Amino acid sequence: MIKLRIPKFDRDLNFVGYSQVAVRNKMNSVDYNKVVSLLPGMPQGYCKEIYDIYKTKKPIEITKFYDIRQRGLKKIRNQFITII
């Protein structure tokens, strides 16, 4: 099991803090949905890098989970999902 640190936002997309979620080393769709449910708004994109985060240990920008045409995307830039 690994723990991921996911940024939290309020209703106006202002950064509030971080939340933690425990997922398996080899993530499946249940773990992917745990991560996506903590992201603000309605993530529309698919991010395959999240499945390999335990190997690469590289942070993933949360904008990869969204379609670039969605409103408010600029407000959540430079926020990353990282391993604790």
Protein backbone atom coordinates (compact mmCIF):
# COMPACT_ATOMS: atom_id res chain seq x y z
CA MET A 1 0.00 0.00 0.00
CA ILE A 2 1.17 3.48 -0.79
CA LYS A 3 -0.25 6.79 0.38
CA LEU A 4 -0.90 9.59 -2.04
CA ARG A 5 -1.16 13.26 -1.11
CA ILE A 6 -3.90 14.98 -3.10
CA PRO A 7 -4.56 18.75 -3.04
CA LYS A 8 -7.98 19.92 -1.83
CA PHE A 9 -9.86 22.96 -3.06
CA ASP A 10 -12.91 24.85 -1.88
CA ARG A 11 -15.94 25.63 -4.02
CA ASP A 12 -14.24 28.63 -5.66
CA LEU A 13 -11.16 26.52 -6.53
CA ASN A 14 -8.98 28.11 -3.86
CA PHE A 15 -6.36 25.79 -2.40
CA VAL A 16 -7.34 24.60 1.10
CA GLY A 17 -4.89 21.84 2.01
CA TYR A 18 -4.10 18.23 1.30
CA SER A 19 -5.88 14.94 1.80
CA GLN A 20 -4.35 11.48 1.91
CA VAL A 21 -5.59 8.29 0.33
CA ALA A 22 -4.15 4.79 0.56
CA VAL A 23 -4.02 2.81 -2.69
CA ARG A 24 -2.46 -0.46 -3.79
CA ASN A 25 0.97 -0.52 -5.39
CA LYS A 26 -0.59 -1.92 -8.56
CA MET A 27 -3.60 0.36 -8.84
CA ASN A 28 -6.88 -0.83 -10.31
CA SER A 29 -10.04 1.05 -11.29
CA VAL A 30 -11.31 1.19 -7.70
CA ASP A 31 -8.13 2.96 -6.58
CA TYR A 32 -8.26 5.27 -9.60
CA ASN A 33 -11.82 6.25 -8.67
CA LYS A 34 -10.71 6.96 -5.07
CA VAL A 35 -8.18 9.47 -6.36
CA VAL A 36 -10.51 11.07 -8.90
CA SER A 37 -13.31 11.48 -6.34
CA LEU A 38 -11.05 13.76 -4.28
CA LEU A 39 -10.30 16.09 -7.18
CA PRO A 40 -12.40 19.26 -7.61
CA GLY A 41 -15.17 19.49 -10.18
CA MET A 42 -15.69 16.82 -12.79
CA PRO A 43 -12.44 15.30 -14.05
CA GLN A 44 -13.00 14.29 -17.66
CA GLY A 45 -9.59 13.11 -18.82
CA TYR A 46 -7.76 9.84 -18.32
CA CYS A 47 -4.31 9.85 -16.75
CA LYS A 48 -2.36 6.65 -17.25
CA GLU A 49 0.65 7.97 -15.27
CA ILE A 50 -1.24 7.41 -12.00
CA TYR A 51 -1.03 3.65 -12.50
CA ASP A 52 2.80 3.81 -12.55
CA ILE A 53 3.34 6.35 -9.76
CA TYR A 54 4.71 3.68 -7.43
CA LYS A 55 7.48 2.90 -9.93
CA THR A 56 8.39 6.37 -11.16
CA LYS A 57 7.72 8.27 -7.92
CA LYS A 58 7.26 11.42 -10.02
CA PRO A 59 4.56 13.91 -9.03
CA ILE A 60 1.57 14.15 -11.37
CA GLU A 61 -0.05 17.50 -12.08
CA ILE A 62 -3.79 17.30 -11.43
CA THR A 63 -4.62 19.14 -14.66
CA LYS A 64 -3.85 15.87 -16.51
CA PHE A 65 -7.17 14.53 -15.21
CA TYR A 66 -9.15 17.29 -16.93
CA ASP A 67 -10.08 18.25 -20.45
CA ILE A 68 -8.17 21.40 -21.45
CA ARG A 69 -11.40 23.12 -22.51
CA GLN A 70 -12.91 23.06 -19.02
CA ARG A 71 -13.38 26.32 -17.17
CA GLY A 72 -11.30 27.09 -14.12
CA LEU A 73 -8.43 24.86 -15.14
CA LYS A 74 -5.92 27.69 -14.79
CA LYS A 75 -6.82 28.07 -11.12
CA ILE A 76 -5.67 24.55 -10.23
CA ARG A 77 -2.38 24.51 -12.13
CA ASN A 78 0.87 23.76 -10.32
CA GLN A 79 -0.80 21.36 -7.89
CA PHE A 80 0.54 17.83 -7.83
CA ILE A 81 -0.38 14.35 -6.60
CA THR A 82 2.65 12.97 -4.78
CA ILE A 83 3.66 9.87 -2.81
CA ILE A 84 4.11 10.31 0.93
